[in-house]
């Protein structure tokens, strides 16, 4: 179970990051459910990308640095992906 905890933290913080980005960028928001779903995907992708770049947040263990890395990677990934999807959705609506 402990090996899945960083991923779970990334997914939850991704959902939070997606919703925070939706609140800040109201014209790109996908709604609470849409922001959460895209944020969850972005949180998982953010953690994977950081792992590929050598910032191994998944294998960092459950010390404070590992937890903060998972939260940061997930939150930023969720917010960024929500913003990207929001821009694409807005562009396609024109």
PDB file of N, CA and C in Angstrom:
ATOM      1  N   UNK A   1       0.820  -1.197   0.000  1.00  0.00           N
ATOM      2  CA  UNK A   1       0.000   0.000   0.000  1.00  0.00           C
ATOM      3  C   UNK A   1       0.862   1.257   0.000  1.00  0.00           C
ATOM      4  N   UNK A   2       2.010   1.199   0.691  1.00  0.00           N
ATOM      5  CA  UNK A   2       2.850   2.385   0.798  1.00  0.00           C
ATOM      6  C   UNK A   2       3.386   2.843  -0.552  1.00  0.00           C
ATOM      7  N   UNK A   3       3.556   1.915  -1.497  1.00  0.00           N
ATOM      8  CA  UNK A   3       4.073   2.303  -2.808  1.00  0.00           C
ATOM      9  C   UNK A   3       3.034   3.088  -3.614  1.00  0.00           C
ATOM     10  N   UNK A   4       1.753   2.973  -3.269  1.00  0.00           N
ATOM     11  CA  UNK A   4       0.705   3.700  -3.973  1.00  0.00           C
ATOM     12  C   UNK A   4       0.360   5.037  -3.331  1.00  0.00           C
ATOM     13  N   UNK A   5       0.849   5.284  -2.131  1.00  0.00           N
ATOM     14  CA  UNK A   5       0.514   6.512  -1.415  1.00  0.00           C
ATOM     15  C   UNK A   5       0.997   7.775  -2.132  1.00  0.00           C
ATOM     16  N   UNK A   6       2.230   7.821  -2.666  1.00  0.00           N
ATOM     17  CA  UNK A   6       2.626   9.030  -3.397  1.00  0.00           C
ATOM     18  C   UNK A   6       1.733   9.297  -4.606  1.00  0.00           C
ATOM     19  N   UNK A   7       1.329   8.257  -5.323  1.00  0.00           N
ATOM     20  CA  UNK A   7       0.437   8.438  -6.471  1.00  0.00           C
ATOM     21  C   UNK A   7      -0.918   8.968  -6.016  1.00  0.00           C
ATOM     22  N   UNK A   8      -1.437   8.440  -4.935  1.00  0.00           N
ATOM     23  CA  UNK A   8      -2.711   8.913  -4.402  1.00  0.00           C
ATOM     24  C   UNK A   8      -2.612  10.385  -3.999  1.00  0.00           C
ATOM     25  N   UNK A   9      -1.511  10.756  -3.367  1.00  0.00           N
ATOM     26  CA  UNK A   9      -1.296  12.156  -2.992  1.00  0.00           C
ATOM     27  C   UNK A   9      -1.241  13.033  -4.241  1.00  0.00           C
ATOM     28  N   UNK A  10      -0.568  12.574  -5.281  1.00  0.00           N
ATOM     29  CA  UNK A  10      -0.481  13.332  -6.533  1.00  0.00           C
ATOM     30  C   UNK A  10      -1.853  13.509  -7.168  1.00  0.00           C
ATOM     31  N   UNK A  11      -2.674  12.465  -7.155  1.00  0.00           N
ATOM     32  CA  UNK A  11      -3.992  12.554  -7.776  1.00  0.00           C
ATOM     33  C   UNK A  11      -4.903  13.510  -7.016  1.00  0.00           C
ATOM     34  N   UNK A  12      -4.884  13.427  -5.694  1.00  0.00           N
ATOM     35  CA  UNK A  12      -5.720  14.318  -4.884  1.00  0.00           C
ATOM     36  C   UNK A  12      -5.248  15.761  -5.027  1.00  0.00           C
ATOM     37  N   UNK A  13      -3.934  15.975  -4.947  1.00  0.00           N
ATOM     38  CA  UNK A  13      -3.441  17.343  -5.089  1.00  0.00           C
ATOM     39  C   UNK A  13      -3.629  17.851  -6.516  1.00  0.00           C
ATOM     40  N   UNK A  14      -3.643  16.958  -7.493  1.00  0.00           N
ATOM     41  CA  UNK A  14      -3.956  17.351  -8.867  1.00  0.00           C
ATOM     42  C   UNK A  14      -5.382  17.847  -8.993  1.00  0.00           C
ATOM     43  N   UNK A  15      -6.316  17.155  -8.335  1.00  0.00           N
ATOM     44  CA  UNK A  15      -7.716  17.602  -8.346  1.00  0.00           C
ATOM     45  C   UNK A  15      -7.837  18.973  -7.688  1.00  0.00           C
ATOM     46  N   UNK A  16      -7.136  19.152  -6.578  1.00  0.00           N
ATOM     47  CA  UNK A  16      -7.150  20.461  -5.910  1.00  0.00           C
ATOM     48  C   UNK A  16      -6.511  21.525  -6.794  1.00  0.00           C
ATOM     49  N   UNK A  17      -5.396  21.195  -7.421  1.00  0.00           N
ATOM     50  CA  UNK A  17      -4.720  22.142  -8.318  1.00  0.00           C
ATOM     51  C   UNK A  17      -5.587  22.521  -9.505  1.00  0.00           C
ATOM     52  N   UNK A  18      -6.306  21.565 -10.050  1.00  0.00           N
ATOM     53  CA  UNK A  18      -7.212  21.848 -11.165  1.00  0.00           C
ATOM     54  C   UNK A  18      -8.332  22.789 -10.755  1.00  0.00           C
ATOM     55  N   UNK A  19      -8.873  22.592  -9.559  1.00  0.00           N
ATOM     56  CA  UNK A  19      -9.945  23.454  -9.084  1.00  0.00           C
ATOM     57  C   UNK A  19      -9.444  24.841  -8.714  1.00  0.00           C
ATOM     58  N   UNK A  20      -8.249  24.932  -8.148  1.00  0.00           N
ATOM     59  CA  UNK A  20      -7.671  26.248  -7.848  1.00  0.00           C
ATOM     60  C   UNK A  20      -7.425  27.013  -9.148  1.00  0.00           C
ATOM     61  N   UNK A  21      -6.880  26.334 -10.150  1.00  0.00           N
ATOM     62  CA  UNK A  21      -6.665  26.986 -11.442  1.00  0.00           C
ATOM     63  C   UNK A  21      -7.992  27.413 -12.059  1.00  0.00           C
ATOM     64  N   UNK A  22      -9.024  26.594 -11.911  1.00  0.00           N
ATOM     65  CA  UNK A  22     -10.342  26.956 -12.428  1.00  0.00           C
ATOM     66  C   UNK A  22     -10.912  28.187 -11.749  1.00  0.00           C
ATOM     67  N   UNK A  23     -10.662  28.327 -10.446  1.00  0.00           N
ATOM     68  CA  UNK A  23     -11.127  29.515  -9.708  1.00  0.00           C
ATOM     69  C   UNK A  23     -10.352  30.752 -10.135  1.00  0.00           C
ATOM     70  N   UNK A  24      -9.046  30.602 -10.347  1.00  0.00           N
ATOM     71  CA  UNK A  24      -8.222  31.739 -10.737  1.00  0.00           C
ATOM     72  C   UNK A  24      -8.442  32.145 -12.188  1.00  0.00           C
ATOM     73  N   UNK A  25      -8.680  31.179 -13.050  1.00  0.00           N
ATOM     74  CA  UNK A  25      -8.879  31.425 -14.478  1.00  0.00           C
ATOM     75  C   UNK A  25     -10.329  31.127 -14.847  1.00  0.00           C
ATOM     76  N   UNK A  26     -11.229  31.945 -14.342  1.00  0.00           N
ATOM     77  CA  UNK A  26     -12.664  31.674 -14.479  1.00  0.00           C
ATOM     78  C   UNK A  26     -13.109  31.507 -15.930  1.00  0.00           C
ATOM     79  N   UNK A  27     -12.504  32.244 -16.852  1.00  0.00           N
ATOM     80  CA  UNK A  27     -12.911  32.132 -18.251  1.00  0.00           C
ATOM     81  C   UNK A  27     -12.455  30.828 -18.899  1.00  0.00           C
ATOM     82  N   UNK A  28     -11.589  30.069 -18.248  1.00  0.00           N
ATOM     83  CA  UNK A  28     -11.123  28.785 -18.780  1.00  0.00           C
ATOM     84  C   UNK A  28     -11.620  27.601 -17.957  1.00  0.00           C
ATOM     85  N   UNK A  29     -12.402  27.883 -16.921  1.00  0.00           N
ATOM     86  CA  UNK A  29     -12.868  26.826 -16.031  1.00  0.00           C
ATOM     87  C   UNK A  29     -13.740  25.823 -16.766  1.00  0.00           C
ATOM     88  N   UNK A  30     -13.632  24.580 -16.365  1.00  0.00           N
ATOM     89  CA  UNK A  30     -14.418  23.494 -16.953  1.00  0.00           C
ATOM     90  C   UNK A  30     -15.539  23.064 -16.011  1.00  0.00           C
ATOM     91  N   UNK A  31     -15.773  23.835 -14.960  1.00  0.00           N
ATOM     92  CA  UNK A  31     -16.723  23.447 -13.930  1.00  0.00           C
ATOM     93  C   UNK A  31     -16.008  22.600 -12.892  1.00  0.00           C
ATOM     94  N   UNK A  32     -16.620  22.459 -11.741  1.00  0.00           N
ATOM     95  CA  UNK A  32     -15.955  21.744 -10.637  1.00  0.00           C
ATOM     96  C   UNK A  32     -15.608  20.310 -11.013  1.00  0.00           C
ATOM     97  N   UNK A  33     -16.544  19.592 -11.606  1.00  0.00           N
ATOM     98  CA  UNK A  33     -16.276  18.195 -11.975  1.00  0.00           C
ATOM     99  C   UNK A  33     -15.217  18.108 -13.069  1.00  0.00           C
ATOM    100  N   UNK A  34     -15.335  18.940 -14.089  1.00  0.00           N
ATOM    101  CA  UNK A  34     -14.351  18.938 -15.176  1.00  0.00           C
ATOM    102  C   UNK A  34     -12.970  19.318 -14.691  1.00  0.00           C
ATOM    103  N   UNK A  35     -12.897  20.350 -13.837  1.00  0.00           N
ATOM    104  CA  UNK A  35     -11.603  20.756 -13.278  1.00  0.00           C
ATOM    105  C   UNK A  35     -10.995  19.629 -12.453  1.00  0.00           C
ATOM    106  N   UNK A  36     -11.830  18.930 -11.696  1.00  0.00           N
ATOM    107  CA  UNK A  36     -11.332  17.832 -10.857  1.00  0.00           C
ATOM    108  C   UNK A  36     -10.804  16.682 -11.706  1.00  0.00           C
ATOM    109  N   UNK A  37     -11.559  16.284 -12.722  1.00  0.00           N
ATOM    110  CA  UNK A  37     -11.140  15.159 -13.569  1.00  0.00           C
ATOM    111  C   UNK A  37      -9.845  15.485 -14.298  1.00  0.00           C
ATOM    112  N   UNK A  38      -9.792  16.660 -14.919  1.00  0.00           N
ATOM    113  CA  UNK A  38      -8.577  17.050 -15.640  1.00  0.00           C
ATOM    114  C   UNK A  38      -7.421  17.227 -14.661  1.00  0.00           C
ATOM    115  N   UNK A  39      -7.712  17.748 -13.468  1.00  0.00           N
ATOM    116  CA  UNK A  39      -6.679  17.903 -12.448  1.00  0.00           C
ATOM    117  C   UNK A  39      -6.112  16.573 -11.989  1.00  0.00           C
ATOM    118  N   UNK A  40      -6.976  15.583 -11.826  1.00  0.00           N
ATOM    119  CA  UNK A  40      -6.516  14.241 -11.438  1.00  0.00           C
ATOM    120  C   UNK A  40      -5.576  13.682 -12.507  1.00  0.00           C
ATOM    121  N   UNK A  41      -5.968  13.816 -13.762  1.00  0.00           N
ATOM    122  CA  UNK A  41      -5.103  13.346 -14.856  1.00  0.00           C
ATOM    123  C   UNK A  41      -3.786  14.111 -14.864  1.00  0.00           C
ATOM    124  N   UNK A  42      -3.864  15.425 -14.704  1.00  0.00           N
ATOM    125  CA  UNK A  42      -2.654  16.248 -14.682  1.00  0.00           C
ATOM    126  C   UNK A  42      -1.773  15.947 -13.494  1.00  0.00           C
ATOM    127  N   UNK A  43      -2.382  15.637 -12.353  1.00  0.00           N
ATOM    128  CA  UNK A  43      -1.604  15.282 -11.176  1.00  0.00           C
ATOM    129  C   UNK A  43      -0.800  14.016 -11.382  1.00  0.00           C
ATOM    130  N   UNK A  44      -1.431  13.014 -11.973  1.00  0.00           N
ATOM    131  CA  UNK A  44      -0.721  11.768 -12.275  1.00  0.00           C
ATOM    132  C   UNK A  44       0.370  11.973 -13.306  1.00  0.00           C
ATOM    133  N   UNK A  45       0.062  12.752 -14.346  1.00  0.00           N
ATOM    134  CA  UNK A  45       1.061  13.023 -15.385  1.00  0.00           C
ATOM    135  C   UNK A  45       2.205  13.871 -14.844  1.00  0.00           C
ATOM    136  N   UNK A  46       1.879  14.849 -14.000  1.00  0.00           N
ATOM    137  CA  UNK A  46       2.921  15.704 -13.420  1.00  0.00           C
ATOM    138  C   UNK A  46       3.928  14.903 -12.618  1.00  0.00           C
ATOM    139  N   UNK A  47       3.432  13.969 -11.822  1.00  0.00           N
ATOM    140  CA  UNK A  47       4.335  13.116 -11.048  1.00  0.00           C
ATOM    141  C   UNK A  47       5.201  12.238 -11.935  1.00  0.00           C
ATOM    142  N   UNK A  48       4.622  11.706 -13.003  1.00  0.00           N
ATOM    143  CA  UNK A  48       5.385  10.862 -13.927  1.00  0.00           C
ATOM    144  C   UNK A  48       6.452  11.658 -14.656  1.00  0.00           C
ATOM    145  N   UNK A  49       6.094  12.871 -15.085  1.00  0.00           N
ATOM    146  CA  UNK A  49       7.061  13.714 -15.800  1.00  0.00           C
ATOM    147  C   UNK A  49       8.215  14.095 -14.888  1.00  0.00           C
ATOM    148  N   UNK A  50       7.903  14.467 -13.644  1.00  0.00           N
ATOM    149  CA  UNK A  50       8.979  14.793 -12.702  1.00  0.00           C
ATOM    150  C   UNK A  50       9.880  13.584 -12.462  1.00  0.00           C
ATOM    151  N   UNK A  51       9.284  12.394 -12.411  1.00  0.00           N
ATOM    152  CA  UNK A  51      10.077  11.180 -12.245  1.00  0.00           C
ATOM    153  C   UNK A  51      11.016  10.948 -13.415  1.00  0.00           C
ATOM    154  N   UNK A  52      10.524  11.212 -14.636  1.00  0.00           N
ATOM    155  CA  UNK A  52      11.361  11.039 -15.826  1.00  0.00           C
ATOM    156  C   UNK A  52      12.485  12.065 -15.898  1.00  0.00           C
ATOM    157  N   UNK A  53      12.256  13.227 -15.296  1.00  0.00           N
ATOM    158  CA  UNK A  53      13.280  14.270 -15.294  1.00  0.00           C
ATOM    159  C   UNK A  53      14.306  14.080 -14.185  1.00  0.00           C
ATOM    160  N   UNK A  54      14.167  12.996 -13.437  1.00  0.00           N
ATOM    161  CA  UNK A  54      15.127  12.703 -12.382  1.00  0.00           C
ATOM    162  C   UNK A  54      14.710  13.198 -11.014  1.00  0.00           C
ATOM    163  N   UNK A  55      13.575  13.854 -10.928  1.00  0.00           N
ATOM    164  CA  UNK A  55      13.050  14.299  -9.635  1.00  0.00           C
ATOM    165  C   UNK A  55      12.067  13.248  -9.168  1.00  0.00           C
ATOM    166  N   UNK A  56      12.584  12.185  -8.642  1.00  0.00           N
ATOM    167  CA  UNK A  56      11.807  10.980  -8.346  1.00  0.00           C
ATOM    168  C   UNK A  56      10.893  11.196  -7.145  1.00  0.00           C
ATOM    169  N   UNK A  57       9.693  11.739  -7.387  1.00  0.00           N
ATOM    170  CA  UNK A  57       8.762  11.961  -6.285  1.00  0.00           C
ATOM    171  C   UNK A  57       8.081  10.661  -5.866  1.00  0.00           C
ATOM    172  N   UNK A  58       7.952   9.708  -6.768  1.00  0.00           N
ATOM    173  CA  UNK A  58       7.313   8.435  -6.418  1.00  0.00           C
ATOM    174  C   UNK A  58       8.196   7.604  -5.493  1.00  0.00           C
ATOM    175  N   UNK A  59       9.477   7.577  -5.768  1.00  0.00           N
ATOM    176  CA  UNK A  59      10.379   6.747  -4.986  1.00  0.00           C
ATOM    177  C   UNK A  59      11.010   7.488  -3.820  1.00  0.00           C
ATOM    178  N   UNK A  60      10.556   8.703  -3.588  1.00  0.00           N
ATOM    179  CA  UNK A  60      11.151   9.529  -2.559  1.00  0.00           C
ATOM    180  C   UNK A  60      10.803   9.097  -1.155  1.00  0.00           C
ATOM    181  N   UNK A  61       9.972   8.093  -1.005  1.00  0.00           N
ATOM    182  CA  UNK A  61       9.587   7.639   0.321  1.00  0.00           C
ATOM    183  C   UNK A  61       8.522   8.532   0.914  1.00  0.00           C
ATOM    184  N   UNK A  62       8.151   8.217   2.135  1.00  0.00           N
ATOM    185  CA  UNK A  62       7.093   8.969   2.771  1.00  0.00           C
ATOM    186  C   UNK A  62       7.643   9.904   3.835  1.00  0.00           C
ATOM    187  N   UNK A  63       8.845  10.424   3.606  1.00  0.00           N
ATOM    188  CA  UNK A  63       9.351  11.467   4.474  1.00  0.00           C
ATOM    189  C   UNK A  63       8.745  12.794   4.024  1.00  0.00           C
ATOM    190  N   UNK A  64       9.031  13.857   4.725  1.00  0.00           N
ATOM    191  CA  UNK A  64       8.418  15.151   4.427  1.00  0.00           C
ATOM    192  C   UNK A  64       8.753  15.619   3.014  1.00  0.00           C
ATOM    193  N   UNK A  65       9.996  15.422   2.567  1.00  0.00           N
ATOM    194  CA  UNK A  65      10.398  15.842   1.223  1.00  0.00           C
ATOM    195  C   UNK A  65       9.622  15.067   0.154  1.00  0.00           C
ATOM    196  N   UNK A  66       9.427  13.783   0.351  1.00  0.00           N
ATOM    197  CA  UNK A  66       8.677  12.974  -0.608  1.00  0.00           C
ATOM    198  C   UNK A  66       7.218  13.385  -0.691  1.00  0.00           C
ATOM    199  N   UNK A  67       6.623  13.659   0.456  1.00  0.00           N
ATOM    200  CA  UNK A  67       5.225  14.081   0.489  1.00  0.00           C
ATOM    201  C   UNK A  67       5.069  15.440  -0.189  1.00  0.00           C
ATOM    202  N   UNK A  68       5.946  16.392   0.159  1.00  0.00           N
ATOM    203  CA  UNK A  68       5.865  17.720  -0.457  1.00  0.00           C
ATOM    204  C   UNK A  68       6.109  17.663  -1.957  1.00  0.00           C
ATOM    205  N   UNK A  69       7.028  16.795  -2.386  1.00  0.00           N
ATOM    206  CA  UNK A  69       7.267  16.619  -3.816  1.00  0.00           C
ATOM    207  C   UNK A  69       6.048  16.081  -4.532  1.00  0.00           C
ATOM    208  N   UNK A  70       5.352  15.133  -3.908  1.00  0.00           N
ATOM    209  CA  UNK A  70       4.139  14.579  -4.503  1.00  0.00           C
ATOM    210  C   UNK A  70       3.031  15.629  -4.582  1.00  0.00           C
ATOM    211  N   UNK A  71       2.884  16.408  -3.516  1.00  0.00           N
ATOM    212  CA  UNK A  71       1.863  17.464  -3.504  1.00  0.00           C
ATOM    213  C   UNK A  71       2.178  18.512  -4.567  1.00  0.00           C
ATOM    214  N   UNK A  72       3.424  18.941  -4.636  1.00  0.00           N
ATOM    215  CA  UNK A  72       3.811  19.968  -5.607  1.00  0.00           C
ATOM    216  C   UNK A  72       3.658  19.463  -7.035  1.00  0.00           C
ATOM    217  N   UNK A  73       4.167  18.269  -7.311  1.00  0.00           N
ATOM    218  CA  UNK A  73       4.059  17.713  -8.662  1.00  0.00           C
ATOM    219  C   UNK A  73       2.619  17.522  -9.093  1.00  0.00           C
ATOM    220  N   UNK A  74       1.806  17.007  -8.193  1.00  0.00           N
ATOM    221  CA  UNK A  74       0.398  16.790  -8.516  1.00  0.00           C
ATOM    222  C   UNK A  74      -0.368  18.079  -8.675  1.00  0.00           C
ATOM    223  N   UNK A  75      -0.166  19.006  -7.760  1.00  0.00           N
ATOM    224  CA  UNK A  75      -0.895  20.274  -7.816  1.00  0.00           C
ATOM    225  C   UNK A  75      -0.552  21.093  -9.038  1.00  0.00           C
ATOM    226  N   UNK A  76       0.726  21.211  -9.319  1.00  0.00           N
ATOM    227  CA  UNK A  76       1.159  21.973 -10.492  1.00  0.00           C
ATOM    228  C   UNK A  76       0.705  21.279 -11.778  1.00  0.00           C
ATOM    229  N   UNK A  77       0.880  19.966 -11.845  1.00  0.00           N
ATOM    230  CA  UNK A  77       0.455  19.223 -13.031  1.00  0.00           C
ATOM    231  C   UNK A  77      -1.039  19.363 -13.276  1.00  0.00           C
ATOM    232  N   UNK A  78      -1.828  19.274 -12.213  1.00  0.00           N
ATOM    233  CA  UNK A  78      -3.276  19.419 -12.345  1.00  0.00           C
ATOM    234  C   UNK A  78      -3.681  20.805 -12.801  1.00  0.00           C
ATOM    235  N   UNK A  79      -3.064  21.819 -12.231  1.00  0.00           N
ATOM    236  CA  UNK A  79      -3.379  23.193 -12.619  1.00  0.00           C
ATOM    237  C   UNK A  79      -2.975  23.503 -14.047  1.00  0.00           C
ATOM    238  N   UNK A  80      -1.795  23.046 -14.433  1.00  0.00           N
ATOM    239  CA  UNK A  80      -1.307  23.315 -15.793  1.00  0.00           C
ATOM    240  C   UNK A  80      -2.171  22.605 -16.830  1.00  0.00           C
ATOM    241  N   UNK A  81      -2.494  21.340 -16.600  1.00  0.00           N
ATOM    242  CA  UNK A  81      -3.307  20.620 -17.574  1.00  0.00           C
ATOM    243  C   UNK A  81      -4.710  21.223 -17.666  1.00  0.00           C
ATOM    244  N   UNK A  82      -5.286  21.649 -16.548  1.00  0.00           N
ATOM    245  CA  UNK A  82      -6.597  22.286 -16.579  1.00  0.00           C
ATOM    246  C   UNK A  82      -6.544  23.565 -17.407  1.00  0.00           C
ATOM    247  N   UNK A  83      -5.489  24.365 -17.234  1.00  0.00           N
ATOM    248  CA  UNK A  83      -5.350  25.598 -18.004  1.00  0.00           C
ATOM    249  C   UNK A  83      -5.199  25.306 -19.497  1.00  0.00           C
ATOM    250  N   UNK A  84      -4.418  24.300 -19.840  1.00  0.00           N
ATOM    251  CA  UNK A  84      -4.224  23.941 -21.254  1.00  0.00           C
ATOM    252  C   UNK A  84      -5.547  23.489 -21.875  1.00  0.00           C
ATOM    253  N   UNK A  85      -6.261  22.596 -21.185  1.00  0.00           N
ATOM    254  CA  UNK A  85      -7.536  22.109 -21.704  1.00  0.00           C
ATOM    255  C   UNK A  85      -8.535  23.260 -21.798  1.00  0.00           C
ATOM    256  N   UNK A  86      -8.527  24.176 -20.822  1.00  0.00           N
ATOM    257  CA  UNK A  86      -9.405  25.344 -20.856  1.00  0.00           C
ATOM    258  C   UNK A  86      -9.142  26.234 -22.051  1.00  0.00           C
ATOM    259  N   UNK A  87      -7.870  26.457 -22.370  1.00  0.00           N
ATOM    260  CA  UNK A  87      -7.508  27.286 -23.535  1.00  0.00           C
ATOM    261  C   UNK A  87      -7.966  26.600 -24.819  1.00  0.00           C
ATOM    262  N   UNK A  88      -7.736  25.296 -24.935  1.00  0.00           N
ATOM    263  CA  UNK A  88      -8.150  24.568 -26.133  1.00  0.00           C
ATOM    264  C   UNK A  88      -9.670  24.594 -26.278  1.00  0.00           C
ATOM    265  N   UNK A  89     -10.390  24.375 -25.179  1.00  0.00           N
ATOM    266  CA  UNK A  89     -11.847  24.405 -25.222  1.00  0.00           C
ATOM    267  C   UNK A  89     -12.363  25.777 -25.648  1.00  0.00           C
ATOM    268  N   UNK A  90     -11.757  26.811 -25.112  1.00  0.00           N
ATOM    269  CA  UNK A  90     -12.168  28.178 -25.458  1.00  0.00           C
ATOM    270  C   UNK A  90     -11.877  28.469 -26.919  1.00  0.00           C
ATOM    271  N   UNK A  91     -10.716  28.020 -27.422  1.00  0.00           N
ATOM    272  CA  UNK A  91     -10.360  28.243 -28.820  1.00  0.00           C
ATOM    273  C   UNK A  91     -11.294  27.506 -29.769  1.00  0.00           C
ATOM    274  N   UNK A  92     -11.703  26.295 -29.396  1.00  0.00           N
ATOM    275  CA  UNK A  92     -12.602  25.515 -30.248  1.00  0.00           C
ATOM    276  C   UNK A  92     -14.027  26.059 -30.243  1.00  0.00           C
ATOM    277  N   UNK A  93     -14.383  26.788 -29.181  1.00  0.00           N
ATOM    278  CA  UNK A  93     -15.728  27.333 -29.078  1.00  0.00           C
ATOM    279  C   UNK A  93     -15.942  28.536 -29.981  1.00  0.00           C
ATOM    280  N   UNK A  94     -14.873  29.128 -30.470  1.00  0.00           N
ATOM    281  CA  UNK A  94     -14.982  30.334 -31.320  1.00  0.00           C
ATOM    282  C   UNK A  94     -15.408  29.997 -32.707  1.00  0.00           C
TER     283      UNK A  94
END
